[in-house]
C-alpha cells in the first residue's frame, strides 16, 4: 500500500513541475521561435511604421495579446497574427513573450 502512495506522490510532483515549466517562459527557446516574428517586428523587436514594437512588453500582457490573436478576440488588418499564432502552443507563446520581455524598449 505504501508503494502506491509513493507512486501517487511522485506523479503529483511531476505534474506540479510541468505546471511550473509552463508558468515561466524559456527565453532561449523564445528567441528561436522569434525567427518568424522578425520580418514584421525586426531583429530588435521594435517594429516599424506599420508594425508595433514588442520589445520590453510585460510577458503576461504579451501572452494575453498573443492568446487573443489566436482566439480571434483580437484582430489585425490582414489577420497575419492569427496565421502566426494558430500554430503556436501556449508554451510557445509563453516562451516568445518571455524573450521579448528581455529586449530593451525605446521608452
PDB file of N, CA and C in Angstrom:
ATOM      1  N   UNK A   1       0.807  -1.186   0.000  1.00  0.00           N
ATOM      2  CA  UNK A   1       0.000   0.000   0.000  1.00  0.00           C
ATOM      3  C   UNK A   1       0.859   1.262   0.000  1.00  0.00           C
ATOM      4  N   UNK A   2       1.959   1.270   0.731  1.00  0.00           N
ATOM      5  CA  UNK A   2       2.808   2.453   0.786  1.00  0.00           C
ATOM      6  C   UNK A   2       3.493   2.713  -0.551  1.00  0.00           C
ATOM      7  N   UNK A   3       3.717   1.688  -1.358  1.00  0.00           N
ATOM      8  CA  UNK A   3       4.316   1.906  -2.679  1.00  0.00           C
ATOM      9  C   UNK A   3       3.341   2.644  -3.599  1.00  0.00           C
ATOM     10  N   UNK A   4       2.056   2.419  -3.431  1.00  0.00           N
ATOM     11  CA  UNK A   4       1.051   3.134  -4.218  1.00  0.00           C
ATOM     12  C   UNK A   4       1.041   4.608  -3.814  1.00  0.00           C
ATOM     13  N   UNK A   5       1.121   4.880  -2.526  1.00  0.00           N
ATOM     14  CA  UNK A   5       1.174   6.261  -2.052  1.00  0.00           C
ATOM     15  C   UNK A   5       2.411   6.964  -2.586  1.00  0.00           C
ATOM     16  N   UNK A   6       3.524   6.246  -2.596  1.00  0.00           N
ATOM     17  CA  UNK A   6       4.763   6.815  -3.122  1.00  0.00           C
ATOM     18  C   UNK A   6       4.622   7.126  -4.611  1.00  0.00           C
ATOM     19  N   UNK A   7       4.032   6.211  -5.352  1.00  0.00           N
ATOM     20  CA  UNK A   7       3.826   6.411  -6.783  1.00  0.00           C
ATOM     21  C   UNK A   7       2.920   7.616  -7.036  1.00  0.00           C
ATOM     22  N   UNK A   8       1.847   7.733  -6.279  1.00  0.00           N
ATOM     23  CA  UNK A   8       0.934   8.861  -6.423  1.00  0.00           C
ATOM     24  C   UNK A   8       1.656  10.169  -6.093  1.00  0.00           C
ATOM     25  N   UNK A   9       2.466  10.161  -5.051  1.00  0.00           N
ATOM     26  CA  UNK A   9       3.218  11.357  -4.671  1.00  0.00           C
ATOM     27  C   UNK A   9       4.191  11.761  -5.769  1.00  0.00           C
ATOM     28  N   UNK A  10       4.868  10.801  -6.362  1.00  0.00           N
ATOM     29  CA  UNK A  10       5.817  11.088  -7.446  1.00  0.00           C
ATOM     30  C   UNK A  10       5.087  11.661  -8.651  1.00  0.00           C
ATOM     31  N   UNK A  11       3.958  11.058  -9.009  1.00  0.00           N
ATOM     32  CA  UNK A  11       3.187  11.564 -10.148  1.00  0.00           C
ATOM     33  C   UNK A  11       2.690  12.985  -9.887  1.00  0.00           C
ATOM     34  N   UNK A  12       2.265  13.259  -8.658  1.00  0.00           N
ATOM     35  CA  UNK A  12       1.804  14.594  -8.294  1.00  0.00           C
ATOM     36  C   UNK A  12       2.939  15.610  -8.435  1.00  0.00           C
ATOM     37  N   UNK A  13       4.105  15.262  -7.974  1.00  0.00           N
ATOM     38  CA  UNK A  13       5.270  16.153  -8.072  1.00  0.00           C
ATOM     39  C   UNK A  13       5.627  16.394  -9.532  1.00  0.00           C
ATOM     40  N   UNK A  14       5.539  15.353 -10.359  1.00  0.00           N
ATOM     41  CA  UNK A  14       5.830  15.515 -11.787  1.00  0.00           C
ATOM     42  C   UNK A  14       4.831  16.462 -12.434  1.00  0.00           C
ATOM     43  N   UNK A  15       3.569  16.337 -12.087  1.00  0.00           N
ATOM     44  CA  UNK A  15       2.554  17.238 -12.642  1.00  0.00           C
ATOM     45  C   UNK A  15       2.790  18.676 -12.208  1.00  0.00           C
ATOM     46  N   UNK A  16       3.179  18.868 -10.972  1.00  0.00           N
ATOM     47  CA  UNK A  16       3.490  20.221 -10.498  1.00  0.00           C
ATOM     48  C   UNK A  16       4.663  20.815 -11.252  1.00  0.00           C
ATOM     49  N   UNK A  17       5.679  20.008 -11.524  1.00  0.00           N
ATOM     50  CA  UNK A  17       6.849  20.532 -12.226  1.00  0.00           C
ATOM     51  C   UNK A  17       6.513  20.932 -13.654  1.00  0.00           C
ATOM     52  N   UNK A  18       5.598  20.228 -14.298  1.00  0.00           N
ATOM     53  CA  UNK A  18       5.165  20.610 -15.643  1.00  0.00           C
ATOM     54  C   UNK A  18       4.450  21.954 -15.588  1.00  0.00           C
ATOM     55  N   UNK A  19       3.605  22.151 -14.594  1.00  0.00           N
ATOM     56  CA  UNK A  19       2.909  23.430 -14.440  1.00  0.00           C
ATOM     57  C   UNK A  19       3.870  24.572 -14.206  1.00  0.00           C
ATOM     58  N   UNK A  20       4.906  24.354 -13.422  1.00  0.00           N
ATOM     59  CA  UNK A  20       5.915  25.378 -13.169  1.00  0.00           C
ATOM     60  C   UNK A  20       6.658  25.699 -14.449  1.00  0.00           C
ATOM     61  N   UNK A  21       6.979  24.695 -15.251  1.00  0.00           N
ATOM     62  CA  UNK A  21       7.690  24.927 -16.507  1.00  0.00           C
ATOM     63  C   UNK A  21       6.856  25.791 -17.442  1.00  0.00           C
ATOM     64  N   UNK A  22       5.543  25.572 -17.474  1.00  0.00           N
ATOM     65  CA  UNK A  22       4.702  26.363 -18.349  1.00  0.00           C
ATOM     66  C   UNK A  22       4.465  27.765 -17.797  1.00  0.00           C
ATOM     67  N   UNK A  23       4.534  27.926 -16.493  1.00  0.00           N
ATOM     68  CA  UNK A  23       4.276  29.232 -15.903  1.00  0.00           C
ATOM     69  C   UNK A  23       5.321  30.254 -16.303  1.00  0.00           C
ATOM     70  N   UNK A  24       6.572  29.841 -16.441  1.00  0.00           N
ATOM     71  CA  UNK A  24       7.641  30.734 -16.845  1.00  0.00           C
ATOM     72  C   UNK A  24       8.084  30.390 -18.252  1.00  0.00           C
ATOM     73  N   UNK A  25       8.427  31.395 -19.009  1.00  0.00           N
ATOM     74  CA  UNK A  25       8.854  31.151 -20.376  1.00  0.00           C
ATOM     75  C   UNK A  25      10.333  30.858 -20.474  1.00  0.00           C
ATOM     76  N   UNK A  26      10.695  30.117 -21.481  1.00  0.00           N
ATOM     77  CA  UNK A  26      12.084  29.790 -21.788  1.00  0.00           C
ATOM     78  C   UNK A  26      12.580  30.829 -22.798  1.00  0.00           C
ATOM     79  N   UNK A  27      13.403  31.746 -22.321  1.00  0.00           N
ATOM     80  CA  UNK A  27      13.868  32.871 -23.140  1.00  0.00           C
ATOM     81  C   UNK A  27      14.632  32.376 -24.366  1.00  0.00           C
ATOM     82  N   UNK A  28      15.518  31.392 -24.197  1.00  0.00           N
ATOM     83  CA  UNK A  28      16.313  30.889 -25.325  1.00  0.00           C
ATOM     84  C   UNK A  28      15.413  30.268 -26.393  1.00  0.00           C
ATOM     85  N   UNK A  29      14.432  29.512 -25.962  1.00  0.00           N
ATOM     86  CA  UNK A  29      13.503  28.902 -26.929  1.00  0.00           C
ATOM     87  C   UNK A  29      12.658  29.992 -27.587  1.00  0.00           C
ATOM     88  N   UNK A  30      12.277  30.994 -26.811  1.00  0.00           N
ATOM     89  CA  UNK A  30      11.522  32.106 -27.369  1.00  0.00           C
ATOM     90  C   UNK A  30      12.301  32.831 -28.446  1.00  0.00           C
ATOM     91  N   UNK A  31      13.605  32.973 -28.233  1.00  0.00           N
ATOM     92  CA  UNK A  31      14.454  33.619 -29.235  1.00  0.00           C
ATOM     93  C   UNK A  31      14.474  32.795 -30.522  1.00  0.00           C
ATOM     94  N   UNK A  32      14.508  31.483 -30.392  1.00  0.00           N
ATOM     95  CA  UNK A  32      14.457  30.618 -31.585  1.00  0.00           C
ATOM     96  C   UNK A  32      13.126  30.776 -32.306  1.00  0.00           C
ATOM     97  N   UNK A  33      12.040  30.774 -31.553  1.00  0.00           N
ATOM     98  CA  UNK A  33      10.711  30.912 -32.149  1.00  0.00           C
ATOM     99  C   UNK A  33      10.503  32.279 -32.785  1.00  0.00           C
ATOM    100  N   UNK A  34      11.225  33.277 -32.329  1.00  0.00           N
ATOM    101  CA  UNK A  34      11.069  34.645 -32.821  1.00  0.00           C
ATOM    102  C   UNK A  34      11.538  34.821 -34.258  1.00  0.00           C
ATOM    103  N   UNK A  35      12.156  33.816 -34.818  1.00  0.00           N
ATOM    104  CA  UNK A  35      12.620  33.905 -36.208  1.00  0.00           C
ATOM    105  C   UNK A  35      11.468  34.270 -37.148  1.00  0.00           C
ATOM    106  N   UNK A  36      10.254  33.836 -36.821  1.00  0.00           N
ATOM    107  CA  UNK A  36       9.095  34.162 -37.653  1.00  0.00           C
ATOM    108  C   UNK A  36       8.572  35.574 -37.395  1.00  0.00           C
ATOM    109  N   UNK A  37       8.987  36.186 -36.309  1.00  0.00           N
ATOM    110  CA  UNK A  37       8.473  37.499 -35.920  1.00  0.00           C
ATOM    111  C   UNK A  37       9.296  38.651 -36.494  1.00  0.00           C
ATOM    112  N   UNK A  38      10.551  38.374 -36.831  1.00  0.00           N
ATOM    113  CA  UNK A  38      11.466  39.455 -37.202  1.00  0.00           C
ATOM    114  C   UNK A  38      11.096  40.153 -38.507  1.00  0.00           C
ATOM    115  N   UNK A  39      10.407  39.466 -39.407  1.00  0.00           N
ATOM    116  CA  UNK A  39      10.033  40.108 -40.668  1.00  0.00           C
ATOM    117  C   UNK A  39       9.179  41.346 -40.439  1.00  0.00           C
ATOM    118  N   UNK A  40       8.325  41.300 -39.431  1.00  0.00           N
ATOM    119  CA  UNK A  40       7.450  42.438 -39.150  1.00  0.00           C
ATOM    120  C   UNK A  40       7.932  43.290 -37.981  1.00  0.00           C
ATOM    121  N   UNK A  41       8.431  42.646 -36.934  1.00  0.00           N
ATOM    122  CA  UNK A  41       8.779  43.369 -35.713  1.00  0.00           C
ATOM    123  C   UNK A  41      10.268  43.668 -35.589  1.00  0.00           C
ATOM    124  N   UNK A  42      11.077  43.201 -36.542  1.00  0.00           N
ATOM    125  CA  UNK A  42      12.506  43.475 -36.550  1.00  0.00           C
ATOM    126  C   UNK A  42      13.303  42.600 -35.599  1.00  0.00           C
ATOM    127  N   UNK A  43      14.607  42.555 -35.844  1.00  0.00           N
ATOM    128  CA  UNK A  43      15.517  41.772 -35.001  1.00  0.00           C
ATOM    129  C   UNK A  43      15.491  42.252 -33.555  1.00  0.00           C
ATOM    130  N   UNK A  44      15.278  43.560 -33.370  1.00  0.00           N
ATOM    131  CA  UNK A  44      15.289  44.132 -32.030  1.00  0.00           C
ATOM    132  C   UNK A  44      13.898  44.206 -31.401  1.00  0.00           C
ATOM    133  N   UNK A  45      12.871  43.749 -32.144  1.00  0.00           N
ATOM    134  CA  UNK A  45      11.503  43.754 -31.631  1.00  0.00           C
ATOM    135  C   UNK A  45      10.854  45.119 -31.583  1.00  0.00           C
ATOM    136  N   UNK A  46      11.487  46.115 -32.185  1.00  0.00           N
ATOM    137  CA  UNK A  46      10.985  47.489 -32.080  1.00  0.00           C
ATOM    138  C   UNK A  46      10.034  47.889 -33.199  1.00  0.00           C
ATOM    139  N   UNK A  47       9.742  46.972 -34.106  1.00  0.00           N
ATOM    140  CA  UNK A  47       8.767  47.252 -35.146  1.00  0.00           C
ATOM    141  C   UNK A  47       9.200  48.321 -36.118  1.00  0.00           C
ATOM    142  N   UNK A  48       8.226  48.902 -36.805  1.00  0.00           N
ATOM    143  CA  UNK A  48       8.461  49.967 -37.783  1.00  0.00           C
ATOM    144  C   UNK A  48       7.193  50.808 -37.903  1.00  0.00           C
ATOM    145  N   UNK A  49       7.069  51.552 -38.978  1.00  0.00           N
ATOM    146  CA  UNK A  49       5.903  52.423 -39.155  1.00  0.00           C
ATOM    147  C   UNK A  49       4.596  51.637 -39.169  1.00  0.00           C
ATOM    148  N   UNK A  50       4.623  50.419 -39.672  1.00  0.00           N
ATOM    149  CA  UNK A  50       3.406  49.628 -39.830  1.00  0.00           C
ATOM    150  C   UNK A  50       3.201  48.589 -38.735  1.00  0.00           C
ATOM    151  N   UNK A  51       4.265  48.212 -38.033  1.00  0.00           N
ATOM    152  CA  UNK A  51       4.190  47.130 -37.056  1.00  0.00           C
ATOM    153  C   UNK A  51       4.655  47.622 -35.689  1.00  0.00           C
ATOM    154  N   UNK A  52       3.898  47.283 -34.655  1.00  0.00           N
ATOM    155  CA  UNK A  52       4.215  47.808 -33.320  1.00  0.00           C
ATOM    156  C   UNK A  52       5.474  47.200 -32.721  1.00  0.00           C
ATOM    157  N   UNK A  53       6.054  47.934 -31.805  1.00  0.00           N
ATOM    158  CA  UNK A  53       7.172  47.429 -31.025  1.00  0.00           C
ATOM    159  C   UNK A  53       6.636  46.410 -30.023  1.00  0.00           C
ATOM    160  N   UNK A  54       7.351  45.307 -29.879  1.00  0.00           N
ATOM    161  CA  UNK A  54       7.003  44.313 -28.869  1.00  0.00           C
ATOM    162  C   UNK A  54       8.167  44.107 -27.898  1.00  0.00           C
ATOM    163  N   UNK A  55       9.236  44.842 -28.113  1.00  0.00           N
ATOM    164  CA  UNK A  55      10.402  44.762 -27.230  1.00  0.00           C
ATOM    165  C   UNK A  55      10.051  45.339 -25.871  1.00  0.00           C
ATOM    166  N   UNK A  56      10.383  44.620 -24.830  1.00  0.00           N
ATOM    167  CA  UNK A  56      10.181  45.105 -23.478  1.00  0.00           C
ATOM    168  C   UNK A  56       8.759  45.010 -22.954  1.00  0.00           C
ATOM    169  N   UNK A  57       7.856  44.416 -23.731  1.00  0.00           N
ATOM    170  CA  UNK A  57       6.493  44.260 -23.230  1.00  0.00           C
ATOM    171  C   UNK A  57       6.489  43.350 -22.007  1.00  0.00           C
ATOM    172  N   UNK A  58       5.586  43.619 -21.079  1.00  0.00           N
ATOM    173  CA  UNK A  58       5.390  42.730 -19.947  1.00  0.00           C
ATOM    174  C   UNK A  58       4.987  41.353 -20.487  1.00  0.00           C
ATOM    175  N   UNK A  59       5.656  40.313 -20.027  1.00  0.00           N
ATOM    176  CA  UNK A  59       5.445  38.962 -20.560  1.00  0.00           C
ATOM    177  C   UNK A  59       3.995  38.508 -20.419  1.00  0.00           C
ATOM    178  N   UNK A  60       3.363  38.792 -19.292  1.00  0.00           N
ATOM    179  CA  UNK A  60       1.969  38.369 -19.097  1.00  0.00           C
ATOM    180  C   UNK A  60       1.030  39.099 -20.054  1.00  0.00           C
ATOM    181  N   UNK A  61       1.254  40.385 -20.223  1.00  0.00           N
ATOM    182  CA  UNK A  61       0.422  41.158 -21.146  1.00  0.00           C
ATOM    183  C   UNK A  61       0.636  40.696 -22.584  1.00  0.00           C
ATOM    184  N   UNK A  62       1.890  40.434 -22.935  1.00  0.00           N
ATOM    185  CA  UNK A  62       2.207  39.971 -24.286  1.00  0.00           C
ATOM    186  C   UNK A  62       1.548  38.622 -24.544  1.00  0.00           C
ATOM    187  N   UNK A  63       1.640  37.719 -23.574  1.00  0.00           N
ATOM    188  CA  UNK A  63       0.999  36.411 -23.713  1.00  0.00           C
ATOM    189  C   UNK A  63      -0.504  36.578 -23.913  1.00  0.00           C
ATOM    190  N   UNK A  64      -1.123  37.454 -23.147  1.00  0.00           N
ATOM    191  CA  UNK A  64      -2.563  37.688 -23.289  1.00  0.00           C
ATOM    192  C   UNK A  64      -2.902  38.194 -24.692  1.00  0.00           C
ATOM    193  N   UNK A  65      -2.053  39.064 -25.237  1.00  0.00           N
ATOM    194  CA  UNK A  65      -2.275  39.571 -26.602  1.00  0.00           C
ATOM    195  C   UNK A  65      -2.167  38.443 -27.623  1.00  0.00           C
ATOM    196  N   UNK A  66      -1.132  37.619 -27.484  1.00  0.00           N
ATOM    197  CA  UNK A  66      -0.951  36.510 -28.422  1.00  0.00           C
ATOM    198  C   UNK A  66      -2.133  35.542 -28.357  1.00  0.00           C
ATOM    199  N   UNK A  67      -2.588  35.246 -27.145  1.00  0.00           N
ATOM    200  CA  UNK A  67      -3.736  34.350 -26.990  1.00  0.00           C
ATOM    201  C   UNK A  67      -4.994  34.967 -27.599  1.00  0.00           C
ATOM    202  N   UNK A  68      -5.140  36.286 -27.474  1.00  0.00           N
ATOM    203  CA  UNK A  68      -6.297  36.967 -28.054  1.00  0.00           C
ATOM    204  C   UNK A  68      -6.252  36.921 -29.584  1.00  0.00           C
ATOM    205  N   UNK A  69      -5.073  37.052 -30.168  1.00  0.00           N
ATOM    206  CA  UNK A  69      -4.950  36.898 -31.620  1.00  0.00           C
ATOM    207  C   UNK A  69      -5.314  35.483 -32.033  1.00  0.00           C
ATOM    208  N   UNK A  70      -4.816  34.508 -31.291  1.00  0.00           N
ATOM    209  CA  UNK A  70      -5.066  33.111 -31.634  1.00  0.00           C
ATOM    210  C   UNK A  70      -6.555  32.776 -31.561  1.00  0.00           C
ATOM    211  N   UNK A  71      -7.244  33.308 -30.568  1.00  0.00           N
ATOM    212  CA  UNK A  71      -8.670  33.015 -30.397  1.00  0.00           C
ATOM    213  C   UNK A  71      -9.553  33.816 -31.352  1.00  0.00           C
ATOM    214  N   UNK A  72      -8.987  34.854 -31.968  1.00  0.00           N
ATOM    215  CA  UNK A  72      -9.767  35.713 -32.847  1.00  0.00           C
ATOM    216  C   UNK A  72     -10.408  36.882 -32.114  1.00  0.00           C
ATOM    217  N   UNK A  73     -10.220  36.938 -30.792  1.00  0.00           N
ATOM    218  CA  UNK A  73     -10.756  38.040 -29.993  1.00  0.00           C
ATOM    219  C   UNK A  73     -10.113  39.366 -30.403  1.00  0.00           C
ATOM    220  N   UNK A  74      -8.846  39.302 -30.779  1.00  0.00           N
ATOM    221  CA  UNK A  74      -8.109  40.477 -31.246  1.00  0.00           C
ATOM    222  C   UNK A  74      -7.728  40.208 -32.698  1.00  0.00           C
ATOM    223  N   UNK A  75      -7.848  41.213 -33.546  1.00  0.00           N
ATOM    224  CA  UNK A  75      -7.528  41.020 -34.958  1.00  0.00           C
ATOM    225  C   UNK A  75      -6.616  42.130 -35.462  1.00  0.00           C
ATOM    226  N   UNK A  76      -5.953  41.828 -36.559  1.00  0.00           N
ATOM    227  CA  UNK A  76      -5.191  42.842 -37.275  1.00  0.00           C
ATOM    228  C   UNK A  76      -5.741  42.869 -38.696  1.00  0.00           C
ATOM    229  N   UNK A  77      -5.369  43.866 -39.444  1.00  0.00           N
ATOM    230  CA  UNK A  77      -5.980  44.120 -40.742  1.00  0.00           C
ATOM    231  C   UNK A  77      -5.976  42.907 -41.675  1.00  0.00           C
ATOM    232  N   UNK A  78      -4.869  42.236 -41.807  1.00  0.00           N
ATOM    233  CA  UNK A  78      -4.769  41.113 -42.738  1.00  0.00           C
ATOM    234  C   UNK A  78      -4.793  39.753 -42.041  1.00  0.00           C
ATOM    235  N   UNK A  79      -5.103  39.733 -40.751  1.00  0.00           N
ATOM    236  CA  UNK A  79      -5.132  38.518 -39.936  1.00  0.00           C
ATOM    237  C   UNK A  79      -3.805  37.760 -39.963  1.00  0.00           C
ATOM    238  N   UNK A  80      -2.726  38.521 -40.111  1.00  0.00           N
ATOM    239  CA  UNK A  80      -1.390  37.924 -40.125  1.00  0.00           C
ATOM    240  C   UNK A  80      -1.066  37.321 -38.763  1.00  0.00           C
ATOM    241  N   UNK A  81      -1.449  38.009 -37.690  1.00  0.00           N
ATOM    242  CA  UNK A  81      -1.157  37.488 -36.365  1.00  0.00           C
ATOM    243  C   UNK A  81      -1.932  36.198 -36.094  1.00  0.00           C
ATOM    244  N   UNK A  82      -3.140  36.099 -36.594  1.00  0.00           N
ATOM    245  CA  UNK A  82      -3.902  34.855 -36.457  1.00  0.00           C
ATOM    246  C   UNK A  82      -3.159  33.722 -37.149  1.00  0.00           C
ATOM    247  N   UNK A  83      -2.662  33.986 -38.335  1.00  0.00           N
ATOM    248  CA  UNK A  83      -1.932  32.969 -39.096  1.00  0.00           C
ATOM    249  C   UNK A  83      -0.701  32.488 -38.325  1.00  0.00           C
ATOM    250  N   UNK A  84       0.026  33.420 -37.720  1.00  0.00           N
ATOM    251  CA  UNK A  84       1.232  33.032 -36.989  1.00  0.00           C
ATOM    252  C   UNK A  84       0.911  32.359 -35.658  1.00  0.00           C
ATOM    253  N   UNK A  85      -0.123  32.826 -34.972  1.00  0.00           N
ATOM    254  CA  UNK A  85      -0.404  32.274 -33.646  1.00  0.00           C
ATOM    255  C   UNK A  85      -1.164  30.959 -33.669  1.00  0.00           C
ATOM    256  N   UNK A  86      -1.888  30.676 -34.737  1.00  0.00           N
ATOM    257  CA  UNK A  86      -2.694  29.452 -34.740  1.00  0.00           C
ATOM    258  C   UNK A  86      -1.849  28.191 -34.640  1.00  0.00           C
ATOM    259  N   UNK A  87      -0.587  28.265 -35.020  1.00  0.00           N
ATOM    260  CA  UNK A  87       0.299  27.101 -34.937  1.00  0.00           C
ATOM    261  C   UNK A  87       1.075  27.043 -33.622  1.00  0.00           C
ATOM    262  N   UNK A  88       0.936  28.064 -32.775  1.00  0.00           N
ATOM    263  CA  UNK A  88       1.706  28.127 -31.535  1.00  0.00           C
ATOM    264  C   UNK A  88       0.939  27.520 -30.370  1.00  0.00           C
ATOM    265  N   UNK A  89       1.646  26.774 -29.547  1.00  0.00           N
ATOM    266  CA  UNK A  89       1.060  26.274 -28.305  1.00  0.00           C
ATOM    267  C   UNK A  89       1.120  27.393 -27.263  1.00  0.00           C
ATOM    268  N   UNK A  90       0.458  27.178 -26.150  1.00  0.00           N
ATOM    269  CA  UNK A  90       0.528  28.143 -25.061  1.00  0.00           C
ATOM    270  C   UNK A  90       1.964  28.290 -24.581  1.00  0.00           C
ATOM    271  N   UNK A  91       2.698  27.183 -24.523  1.00  0.00           N
ATOM    272  CA  UNK A  91       4.096  27.257 -24.087  1.00  0.00           C
ATOM    273  C   UNK A  91       4.936  28.033 -25.094  1.00  0.00           C
ATOM    274  N   UNK A  92       4.687  27.840 -26.393  1.00  0.00           N
ATOM    275  CA  UNK A  92       5.402  28.612 -27.420  1.00  0.00           C
ATOM    276  C   UNK A  92       5.179  30.113 -27.208  1.00  0.00           C
ATOM    277  N   UNK A  93       3.917  30.485 -26.987  1.00  0.00           N
ATOM    278  CA  UNK A  93       3.599  31.894 -26.799  1.00  0.00           C
ATOM    279  C   UNK A  93       4.210  32.430 -25.503  1.00  0.00           C
ATOM    280  N   UNK A  94       4.234  31.600 -24.475  1.00  0.00           N
ATOM    281  CA  UNK A  94       4.856  31.987 -23.206  1.00  0.00           C
ATOM    282  C   UNK A  94       6.349  32.222 -23.400  1.00  0.00           C
ATOM    283  N   UNK A  95       6.995  31.356 -24.181  1.00  0.00           N
ATOM    284  CA  UNK A  95       8.423  31.485 -24.449  1.00  0.00           C
ATOM    285  C   UNK A  95       8.707  32.749 -25.262  1.00  0.00           C
ATOM    286  N   UNK A  96       7.892  33.010 -26.266  1.00  0.00           N
ATOM    287  CA  UNK A  96       8.062  34.226 -27.065  1.00  0.00           C
ATOM    288  C   UNK A  96       7.901  35.477 -26.200  1.00  0.00           C
ATOM    289  N   UNK A  97       6.884  35.482 -25.367  1.00  0.00           N
ATOM    290  CA  UNK A  97       6.643  36.635 -24.500  1.00  0.00           C
ATOM    291  C   UNK A  97       7.806  36.838 -23.535  1.00  0.00           C
ATOM    292  N   UNK A  98       8.346  35.741 -23.019  1.00  0.00           N
ATOM    293  CA  UNK A  98       9.485  35.848 -22.097  1.00  0.00           C
ATOM    294  C   UNK A  98      10.701  36.429 -22.816  1.00  0.00           C
ATOM    295  N   UNK A  99      10.926  35.993 -24.044  1.00  0.00           N
ATOM    296  CA  UNK A  99      12.066  36.511 -24.817  1.00  0.00           C
ATOM    297  C   UNK A  99      11.910  38.006 -25.083  1.00  0.00           C
ATOM    298  N   UNK A 100      10.762  38.419 -25.613  1.00  0.00           N
ATOM    299  CA  UNK A 100      10.588  39.832 -25.952  1.00  0.00           C
ATOM    300  C   UNK A 100      10.610  40.724 -24.722  1.00  0.00           C
ATOM    301  N   UNK A 101      10.230  40.185 -23.570  1.00  0.00           N
ATOM    302  CA  UNK A 101      10.287  40.963 -22.332  1.00  0.00           C
ATOM    303  C   UNK A 101      11.736  41.297 -21.948  1.00  0.00           C
ATOM    304  N   UNK A 102      12.687  40.524 -22.430  1.00  0.00           N
ATOM    305  CA  UNK A 102      14.107  40.784 -22.105  1.00  0.00           C
ATOM    306  C   UNK A 102      14.744  41.833 -23.001  1.00  0.00           C
ATOM    307  N   UNK A 103      14.082  42.182 -24.108  1.00  0.00           N
ATOM    308  CA  UNK A 103      14.654  43.147 -25.044  1.00  0.00           C
ATOM    309  C   UNK A 103      14.399  44.573 -24.564  1.00  0.00           C
ATOM    310  N   UNK A 104      15.379  45.448 -24.749  1.00  0.00           N
ATOM    311  CA  UNK A 104      15.177  46.837 -24.328  1.00  0.00           C
ATOM    312  C   UNK A 104      14.134  47.528 -25.220  1.00  0.00           C
ATOM    313  N   UNK A 105      13.331  48.367 -24.609  1.00  0.00           N
ATOM    314  CA  UNK A 105      12.350  49.125 -25.357  1.00  0.00           C
ATOM    315  C   UNK A 105      12.816  50.570 -25.485  1.00  0.00           C
ATOM    316  N   UNK A 106      12.130  51.339 -26.300  1.00  0.00           N
ATOM    317  CA  UNK A 106      12.533  52.722 -26.545  1.00  0.00           C
ATOM    318  C   UNK A 106      12.170  53.677 -25.411  1.00  0.00           C
ATOM    319  N   UNK A 107      11.340  53.259 -24.535  1.00  0.00           N
ATOM    320  CA  UNK A 107      10.985  54.240 -23.513  1.00  0.00           C
ATOM    321  C   UNK A 107      10.074  53.773 -22.521  1.00  0.00           C
TER     322      UNK A 107
END
